[in-house]
Amino acid sequence: MTASSRLYFRQLLAGRDFAQSDTVARSMANYAYIIGDARSGEAIVVDPAYRPAEVVACAHDDGLRVVGVVATHYHPDHIGGSLAGWSISGVADLLTHWDVPVHAQAAEVGWIVESAGVDAAAIVAHAPGDRLAVGELDITLIHAPGHTPGSQCLLVEDHLVTGDVLFLQGCGRTDLPGSDPAEMYRTLSERLAAIPAGTWIYAGHAYDPVATDTFAHVRATNAVLAPMSAQQWRAAFA
């Protein structure tokens, strides 16, 4: 589904569309994304963990040249690192083959360096609301802390990639290092409040029976988005 003839948007499920032989990838059910300008041939990859070269190969197979990586947040199942004793390949490995910038929120840079082993010099630190140009496409980087300090969502036309900030049902955990329940409440009730109802939501994991849904339907059915006070929200979900 694309709103314009320029937008190339592809959702890839780890363990199915790539990293098929990786048992951790199959169990974690992470999504990676390729977002590109179909006319210019430029693209970025979002959260390429497990077998990052296979994600890049999917872009190349469709005639796209990867010009950057976007990290929604620092967790190893999204960008690589050590997870419960498992070593997950990710952005650091990708950069040994492709010299491209890694785009992250400024609040997340230190976490990415420590967790994923990415050289700080390779990371472009963004401020909330920065725009990332990919060909003629304009991607808005929405700072959405709560799950991690520098979690971010990507808005391109009528597509919103939410990482582990918002799922079709539920939201990201707020009991992990760097998490903050108060910030998660603000993100869900304020920072994402202006997202248009017809926007398609694409989360960081395949936790739901469908791969995407409109924000209108998610807002109407997802309990974490129900109007309530910060105190009530934290009592229910923090």
C-alpha atoms as a PDB file:
ATOM      1  CA  MET A   1       0.000   0.000   0.000  1.00  0.00           C
ATOM      2  CA  THR A   2       1.504   3.303  -1.038  1.00  0.00           C
ATOM      3  CA  ALA A   3       0.081   6.789  -1.201  1.00  0.00           C
ATOM      4  CA  SER A   4       2.293   7.860  -4.083  1.00  0.00           C
ATOM      5  CA  SER A   5       3.999   6.296  -7.056  1.00  0.00           C
ATOM      6  CA  ARG A   6       7.392   7.193  -5.567  1.00  0.00           C
ATOM      7  CA  LEU A   7       7.065   5.368  -2.258  1.00  0.00           C
ATOM      8  CA  TYR A   8       8.544   1.899  -1.967  1.00  0.00           C
ATOM      9  CA  PHE A   9       7.613   0.350   1.372  1.00  0.00           C
ATOM     10  CA  ARG A  10       8.348  -3.239   2.346  1.00  0.00           C
ATOM     11  CA  GLN A  11       7.777  -5.038   5.624  1.00  0.00           C
ATOM     12  CA  LEU A  12      10.012  -8.080   6.244  1.00  0.00           C
ATOM     13  CA  LEU A  13       9.463 -10.643   9.012  1.00  0.00           C
ATOM     14  CA  ALA A  14      12.592 -12.161  10.559  1.00  0.00           C
ATOM     15  CA  GLY A  15      12.533 -15.944  10.450  1.00  0.00           C
ATOM     16  CA  ARG A  16      10.203 -15.944   7.452  1.00  0.00           C
ATOM     17  CA  ASP A  17      11.301 -13.360   4.869  1.00  0.00           C
ATOM     18  CA  PHE A  18      14.950 -13.413   5.950  1.00  0.00           C
ATOM     19  CA  ALA A  19      17.059 -15.245   8.564  1.00  0.00           C
ATOM     20  CA  GLN A  20      14.877 -18.277   7.940  1.00  0.00           C
ATOM     21  CA  SER A  21      17.258 -20.712   9.660  1.00  0.00           C
ATOM     22  CA  ASP A  22      17.706 -18.533  12.766  1.00  0.00           C
ATOM     23  CA  THR A  23      15.672 -19.972  15.646  1.00  0.00           C
ATOM     24  CA  VAL A  24      16.018 -16.778  17.721  1.00  0.00           C
ATOM     25  CA  ALA A  25      14.718 -14.692  14.810  1.00  0.00           C
ATOM     26  CA  ARG A  26      11.710 -16.972  14.439  1.00  0.00           C
ATOM     27  CA  SER A  27      10.909 -16.817  18.145  1.00  0.00           C
ATOM     28  CA  MET A  28      11.316 -13.046  18.456  1.00  0.00           C
ATOM     29  CA  ALA A  29       9.242 -12.288  15.321  1.00  0.00           C
ATOM     30  CA  ASN A  30      10.869  -8.939  14.562  1.00  0.00           C
ATOM     31  CA  TYR A  31       9.950  -6.832  11.574  1.00  0.00           C
ATOM     32  CA  ALA A  32      12.543  -4.997   9.487  1.00  0.00           C
ATOM     33  CA  TYR A  33      11.557  -2.402   6.899  1.00  0.00           C
ATOM     34  CA  ILE A  34      12.818  -1.063   3.607  1.00  0.00           C
ATOM     35  CA  ILE A  35      11.639   2.434   2.707  1.00  0.00           C
ATOM     36  CA  GLY A  36      12.696   3.927  -0.582  1.00  0.00           C
ATOM     37  CA  ASP A  37      12.065   6.231  -3.501  1.00  0.00           C
ATOM     38  CA  ALA A  38      11.113   3.934  -6.366  1.00  0.00           C
ATOM     39  CA  ARG A  39      12.102   6.548  -8.943  1.00  0.00           C
ATOM     40  CA  SER A  40      15.507   7.605  -7.600  1.00  0.00           C
ATOM     41  CA  GLY A  41      16.347   4.083  -6.428  1.00  0.00           C
ATOM     42  CA  GLU A  42      17.500   5.208  -2.965  1.00  0.00           C
ATOM     43  CA  ALA A  43      16.353   3.419   0.181  1.00  0.00           C
ATOM     44  CA  ILE A  44      16.951   3.108   3.909  1.00  0.00           C
ATOM     45  CA  VAL A  45      16.614  -0.050   5.999  1.00  0.00           C
ATOM     46  CA  VAL A  46      14.988   0.050   9.426  1.00  0.00           C
ATOM     47  CA  ASP A  47      16.073  -2.267  12.270  1.00  0.00           C
ATOM     48  CA  PRO A  48      18.093  -4.800  10.224  1.00  0.00           C
ATOM     49  CA  ALA A  49      18.949  -7.461  12.823  1.00  0.00           C
ATOM     50  CA  TYR A  50      19.758 -11.209  12.596  1.00  0.00           C
ATOM     51  CA  ARG A  51      20.867 -11.319   8.951  1.00  0.00           C
ATOM     52  CA  PRO A  52      21.298  -7.675   7.922  1.00  0.00           C
ATOM     53  CA  ALA A  53      22.938  -8.571   4.614  1.00  0.00           C
ATOM     54  CA  GLU A  54      19.777 -10.433   3.618  1.00  0.00           C
ATOM     55  CA  VAL A  55      17.681  -7.337   4.324  1.00  0.00           C
ATOM     56  CA  VAL A  56      19.996  -5.270   2.133  1.00  0.00           C
ATOM     57  CA  ALA A  57      19.829  -7.988  -0.537  1.00  0.00           C
ATOM     58  CA  CYS A  58      16.023  -7.697  -0.591  1.00  0.00           C
ATOM     59  CA  ALA A  59      16.412  -4.003  -1.405  1.00  0.00           C
ATOM     60  CA  HIS A  60      19.022  -4.708  -4.069  1.00  0.00           C
ATOM     61  CA  ASP A  61      16.834  -7.386  -5.630  1.00  0.00           C
ATOM     62  CA  ASP A  62      14.161  -4.735  -6.141  1.00  0.00           C
ATOM     63  CA  GLY A  63      16.628  -2.342  -7.766  1.00  0.00           C
ATOM     64  CA  LEU A  64      17.216  -0.109  -4.750  1.00  0.00           C
ATOM     65  CA  ARG A  65      20.495   1.231  -3.365  1.00  0.00           C
ATOM     66  CA  VAL A  66      20.693   1.394   0.441  1.00  0.00           C
ATOM     67  CA  VAL A  67      21.892   4.833   1.536  1.00  0.00           C
ATOM     68  CA  GLY A  68      21.257   4.624   5.268  1.00  0.00           C
ATOM     69  CA  VAL A  69      20.044   2.715   8.300  1.00  0.00           C
ATOM     70  CA  VAL A  70      17.447   3.878  10.819  1.00  0.00           C
ATOM     71  CA  ALA A  71      17.366   2.455  14.340  1.00  0.00           C
ATOM     72  CA  THR A  72      14.012   2.711  16.072  1.00  0.00           C
ATOM     73  CA  HIS A  73      15.787   1.926  19.367  1.00  0.00           C
ATOM     74  CA  TYR A  74      18.854   0.205  20.782  1.00  0.00           C
ATOM     75  CA  HIS A  75      17.569  -3.260  21.707  1.00  0.00           C
ATOM     76  CA  PRO A  76      19.603  -6.152  20.218  1.00  0.00           C
ATOM     77  CA  ASP A  77      16.653  -7.828  18.512  1.00  0.00           C
ATOM     78  CA  HIS A  78      16.296  -4.665  16.416  1.00  0.00           C
ATOM     79  CA  ILE A  79      19.868  -3.571  15.666  1.00  0.00           C
ATOM     80  CA  GLY A  80      22.093  -6.377  16.954  1.00  0.00           C
ATOM     81  CA  GLY A  81      24.065  -7.131  20.085  1.00  0.00           C
ATOM     82  CA  SER A  82      23.865  -9.622  22.948  1.00  0.00           C
ATOM     83  CA  LEU A  83      20.423 -10.852  23.980  1.00  0.00           C
ATOM     84  CA  ALA A  84      20.208 -13.279  26.930  1.00  0.00           C
ATOM     85  CA  GLY A  85      23.500 -14.854  25.905  1.00  0.00           C
ATOM     86  CA  TRP A  86      22.679 -14.946  22.201  1.00  0.00           C
ATOM     87  CA  SER A  87      24.803 -12.869  19.827  1.00  0.00           C
ATOM     88  CA  ILE A  88      22.617 -11.193  17.219  1.00  0.00           C
ATOM     89  CA  SER A  89      24.138  -9.748  14.063  1.00  0.00           C
ATOM     90  CA  GLY A  90      22.992  -6.261  13.223  1.00  0.00           C
ATOM     91  CA  VAL A  91      23.988  -2.759  12.246  1.00  0.00           C
ATOM     92  CA  ALA A  92      27.665  -3.080  13.213  1.00  0.00           C
ATOM     93  CA  ASP A  93      28.009  -6.040  10.861  1.00  0.00           C
ATOM     94  CA  LEU A  94      26.134  -4.247   8.093  1.00  0.00           C
ATOM     95  CA  LEU A  95      28.545  -1.317   8.304  1.00  0.00           C
ATOM     96  CA  THR A  96      31.529  -3.570   7.616  1.00  0.00           C
ATOM     97  CA  HIS A  97      30.127  -4.088   4.103  1.00  0.00           C
ATOM     98  CA  TRP A  98      28.215  -0.863   3.412  1.00  0.00           C
ATOM     99  CA  ASP A  99      29.499   2.532   4.541  1.00  0.00           C
ATOM    100  CA  VAL A 100      26.224   4.295   5.276  1.00  0.00           C
ATOM    101  CA  PRO A 101      25.030   6.568   8.102  1.00  0.00           C
ATOM    102  CA  VAL A 102      22.939   5.254  10.989  1.00  0.00           C
ATOM    103  CA  HIS A 103      20.094   7.587  11.927  1.00  0.00           C
ATOM    104  CA  ALA A 104      18.978   7.684  15.565  1.00  0.00           C
ATOM    105  CA  GLN A 105      17.596  10.104  18.097  1.00  0.00           C
ATOM    106  CA  ALA A 106      20.316  11.910  20.045  1.00  0.00           C
ATOM    107  CA  ALA A 107      19.054  10.403  23.316  1.00  0.00           C
ATOM    108  CA  GLU A 108      19.684   6.901  21.959  1.00  0.00           C
ATOM    109  CA  VAL A 109      23.222   7.276  20.608  1.00  0.00           C
ATOM    110  CA  GLY A 110      25.095   6.198  23.746  1.00  0.00           C
ATOM    111  CA  TRP A 111      22.846   3.190  24.184  1.00  0.00           C
ATOM    112  CA  ILE A 112      23.409   2.092  20.576  1.00  0.00           C
ATOM    113  CA  VAL A 113      27.183   2.423  20.901  1.00  0.00           C
ATOM    114  CA  GLU A 114      27.249   0.355  24.101  1.00  0.00           C
ATOM    115  CA  SER A 115      24.663  -2.267  23.164  1.00  0.00           C
ATOM    116  CA  ALA A 116      25.225  -2.794  19.445  1.00  0.00           C
ATOM    117  CA  GLY A 117      28.917  -1.943  19.151  1.00  0.00           C
ATOM    118  CA  VAL A 118      28.319   0.725  16.513  1.00  0.00           C
ATOM    119  CA  ASP A 119      31.017   3.384  16.233  1.00  0.00           C
ATOM    120  CA  ALA A 120      29.611   6.732  17.374  1.00  0.00           C
ATOM    121  CA  ALA A 121      31.149   8.367  14.292  1.00  0.00           C
ATOM    122  CA  ALA A 122      28.776   6.352  12.096  1.00  0.00           C
ATOM    123  CA  ILE A 123      25.656   7.625  13.892  1.00  0.00           C
ATOM    124  CA  VAL A 124      23.750  10.735  12.847  1.00  0.00           C
ATOM    125  CA  ALA A 125      22.135  12.114  16.014  1.00  0.00           C
ATOM    126  CA  HIS A 126      18.703  13.607  15.302  1.00  0.00           C
ATOM    127  CA  ALA A 127      16.509  16.011  17.210  1.00  0.00           C
ATOM    128  CA  PRO A 128      12.773  15.335  17.613  1.00  0.00           C
ATOM    129  CA  GLY A 129      10.887  16.138  14.425  1.00  0.00           C
ATOM    130  CA  ASP A 130      13.917  16.015  12.134  1.00  0.00           C
ATOM    131  CA  ARG A 131      13.194  15.066   8.549  1.00  0.00           C
ATOM    132  CA  LEU A 132      15.185  12.492   6.618  1.00  0.00           C
ATOM    133  CA  ALA A 133      15.298  12.795   2.833  1.00  0.00           C
ATOM    134  CA  VAL A 134      15.439   9.573   0.812  1.00  0.00           C
ATOM    135  CA  GLY A 135      15.397  10.556  -2.816  1.00  0.00           C
ATOM    136  CA  GLU A 136      12.359  12.828  -3.094  1.00  0.00           C
ATOM    137  CA  LEU A 137      10.682  11.225  -0.071  1.00  0.00           C
ATOM    138  CA  ASP A 138      10.400  13.060   3.231  1.00  0.00           C
ATOM    139  CA  ILE A 139      10.496  10.909   6.389  1.00  0.00           C
ATOM    140  CA  THR A 140       9.667  12.539   9.739  1.00  0.00           C
ATOM    141  CA  LEU A 141      11.516  11.162  12.771  1.00  0.00           C
ATOM    142  CA  ILE A 142       9.217  11.339  15.783  1.00  0.00           C
ATOM    143  CA  HIS A 143      10.978  11.114  19.149  1.00  0.00           C
ATOM    144  CA  ALA A 144       8.814   8.720  21.167  1.00  0.00           C
ATOM    145  CA  PRO A 145      10.523   7.871  24.489  1.00  0.00           C
ATOM    146  CA  GLY A 146       9.126   5.491  27.061  1.00  0.00           C
ATOM    147  CA  HIS A 147      10.282   2.055  25.930  1.00  0.00           C
ATOM    148  CA  THR A 148      13.805   3.503  25.638  1.00  0.00           C
ATOM    149  CA  PRO A 149      15.070   7.105  26.008  1.00  0.00           C
ATOM    150  CA  GLY A 150      15.511   7.641  22.269  1.00  0.00           C
ATOM    151  CA  SER A 151      12.849   5.437  20.737  1.00  0.00           C
ATOM    152  CA  GLN A 152      11.593   6.933  17.501  1.00  0.00           C
ATOM    153  CA  CYS A 153       8.791   6.402  14.994  1.00  0.00           C
ATOM    154  CA  LEU A 154       9.082   7.058  11.261  1.00  0.00           C
ATOM    155  CA  LEU A 155       6.272   8.786   9.399  1.00  0.00           C
ATOM    156  CA  VAL A 156       6.353   8.662   5.606  1.00  0.00           C
ATOM    157  CA  GLU A 157       3.181   9.650   3.755  1.00  0.00           C
ATOM    158  CA  ASP A 158       0.437   7.482   5.321  1.00  0.00           C
ATOM    159  CA  HIS A 159       2.781   4.910   6.889  1.00  0.00           C
ATOM    160  CA  LEU A 160       3.999   5.028  10.523  1.00  0.00           C
ATOM    161  CA  VAL A 161       6.740   2.625  11.635  1.00  0.00           C
ATOM    162  CA  THR A 162       6.491   2.451  15.427  1.00  0.00           C
ATOM    163  CA  GLY A 163       9.234   0.019  16.496  1.00  0.00           C
ATOM    164  CA  ASP A 164       8.414  -1.126  20.037  1.00  0.00           C
ATOM    165  CA  VAL A 165       6.608   2.083  20.976  1.00  0.00           C
ATOM    166  CA  LEU A 166       3.152   1.005  19.837  1.00  0.00           C
ATOM    167  CA  PHE A 167       1.808  -2.353  18.703  1.00  0.00           C
ATOM    168  CA  LEU A 168      -1.582  -2.919  17.126  1.00  0.00           C
ATOM    169  CA  GLN A 169      -2.561  -4.175  20.575  1.00  0.00           C
ATOM    170  CA  GLY A 170      -0.493  -2.978  23.519  1.00  0.00           C
ATOM    171  CA  CYS A 171       2.739  -1.008  23.696  1.00  0.00           C
ATOM    172  CA  GLY A 172       6.391  -1.581  24.484  1.00  0.00           C
ATOM    173  CA  ARG A 173       7.577  -2.642  27.925  1.00  0.00           C
ATOM    174  CA  THR A 174       8.428   0.041  30.473  1.00  0.00           C
ATOM    175  CA  ASP A 175      10.384  -2.111  32.953  1.00  0.00           C
ATOM    176  CA  LEU A 176      13.667  -2.375  31.042  1.00  0.00           C
ATOM    177  CA  PRO A 177      16.888  -0.303  31.326  1.00  0.00           C
ATOM    178  CA  GLY A 178      16.142   3.185  30.035  1.00  0.00           C
ATOM    179  CA  SER A 179      12.379   2.690  30.122  1.00  0.00           C
ATOM    180  CA  ASP A 180      10.108   5.326  31.625  1.00  0.00           C
ATOM    181  CA  PRO A 181       6.354   4.739  32.136  1.00  0.00           C
ATOM    182  CA  ALA A 182       5.631   8.457  32.469  1.00  0.00           C
ATOM    183  CA  GLU A 183       7.304   9.171  29.134  1.00  0.00           C
ATOM    184  CA  MET A 184       5.468   6.270  27.491  1.00  0.00           C
ATOM    185  CA  TYR A 185       2.167   7.754  28.632  1.00  0.00           C
ATOM    186  CA  ARG A 186       3.155  11.142  27.191  1.00  0.00           C
ATOM    187  CA  THR A 187       4.219   9.523  23.931  1.00  0.00           C
ATOM    188  CA  LEU A 188       0.942   7.663  23.489  1.00  0.00           C
ATOM    189  CA  SER A 189      -1.341  10.448  24.703  1.00  0.00           C
ATOM    190  CA  GLU A 190       0.504  13.499  23.307  1.00  0.00           C
ATOM    191  CA  ARG A 191       3.381  12.824  20.903  1.00  0.00           C
ATOM    192  CA  LEU A 192       1.377  10.474  18.663  1.00  0.00           C
ATOM    193  CA  ALA A 193      -1.968  12.241  19.148  1.00  0.00           C
ATOM    194  CA  ALA A 194      -1.736  14.187  15.866  1.00  0.00           C
ATOM    195  CA  ILE A 195      -1.163  11.134  13.665  1.00  0.00           C
ATOM    196  CA  PRO A 196      -3.955  11.105  11.040  1.00  0.00           C
ATOM    197  CA  ALA A 197      -6.640   8.469  11.514  1.00  0.00           C
ATOM    198  CA  GLY A 198      -6.003   6.894   8.117  1.00  0.00           C
ATOM    199  CA  THR A 199      -2.305   6.289   8.767  1.00  0.00           C
ATOM    200  CA  TRP A 200      -1.209   2.647   8.574  1.00  0.00           C
ATOM    201  CA  ILE A 201       0.647   1.425  11.673  1.00  0.00           C
ATOM    202  CA  TYR A 202       3.652  -0.878  11.253  1.00  0.00           C
ATOM    203  CA  ALA A 203       5.087  -2.190  14.525  1.00  0.00           C
ATOM    204  CA  GLY A 204       8.410  -3.779  15.426  1.00  0.00           C
ATOM    205  CA  HIS A 205       7.073  -7.293  16.078  1.00  0.00           C
ATOM    206  CA  ALA A 206       4.490  -9.633  14.577  1.00  0.00           C
ATOM    207  CA  TYR A 207       2.456  -9.854  17.774  1.00  0.00           C
ATOM    208  CA  ASP A 208      -0.914  -9.509  16.064  1.00  0.00           C
ATOM    209  CA  PRO A 209      -2.939 -11.583  13.561  1.00  0.00           C
ATOM    210  CA  VAL A 210      -2.566  -8.848  10.929  1.00  0.00           C
ATOM    211  CA  ALA A 211       0.603  -7.080   9.784  1.00  0.00           C
ATOM    212  CA  THR A 212      -0.830  -3.560   9.838  1.00  0.00           C
ATOM    213  CA  ASP A 213      -3.962  -1.599  10.646  1.00  0.00           C
ATOM    214  CA  THR A 214      -5.160   1.988  10.487  1.00  0.00           C
ATOM    215  CA  PHE A 215      -4.469   4.281  13.395  1.00  0.00           C
ATOM    216  CA  ALA A 216      -8.205   4.908  13.673  1.00  0.00           C
ATOM    217  CA  HIS A 217      -8.858   1.217  14.350  1.00  0.00           C
ATOM    218  CA  VAL A 218      -5.821   0.848  16.603  1.00  0.00           C
ATOM    219  CA  ARG A 219      -6.899   3.884  18.615  1.00  0.00           C
ATOM    220  CA  ALA A 220     -10.402   2.443  18.973  1.00  0.00           C
ATOM    221  CA  THR A 221      -9.314  -1.065  20.016  1.00  0.00           C
ATOM    222  CA  ASN A 222      -5.950  -0.747  21.769  1.00  0.00           C
ATOM    223  CA  ALA A 223      -6.427  -0.288  25.509  1.00  0.00           C
ATOM    224  CA  VAL A 224      -3.146   1.616  25.982  1.00  0.00           C
ATOM    225  CA  LEU A 225      -4.588   4.440  23.847  1.00  0.00           C
ATOM    226  CA  ALA A 226      -7.837   4.733  25.793  1.00  0.00           C
ATOM    227  CA  PRO A 227      -8.305   8.212  27.302  1.00  0.00           C
ATOM    228  CA  MET A 228      -7.286   8.142  30.963  1.00  0.00           C
ATOM    229  CA  SER A 229      -5.183  10.080  33.423  1.00  0.00           C
ATOM    230  CA  ALA A 230      -1.452   9.451  33.773  1.00  0.00           C
ATOM    231  CA  GLN A 231      -2.057   7.899  37.185  1.00  0.00           C
ATOM    232  CA  GLN A 232      -4.713   5.529  35.824  1.00  0.00           C
ATOM    233  CA  TRP A 233      -2.554   4.583  32.863  1.00  0.00           C
ATOM    234  CA  ARG A 234       0.453   3.796  35.034  1.00  0.00           C
ATOM    235  CA  ALA A 235      -1.668   1.718  37.390  1.00  0.00           C
ATOM    236  CA  ALA A 236      -2.958  -0.328  34.474  1.00  0.00           C
ATOM    237  CA  PHE A 237       0.080  -0.666  32.212  1.00  0.00           C
ATOM    238  CA  ALA A 238       3.343   0.484  33.809  1.00  0.00           C
END
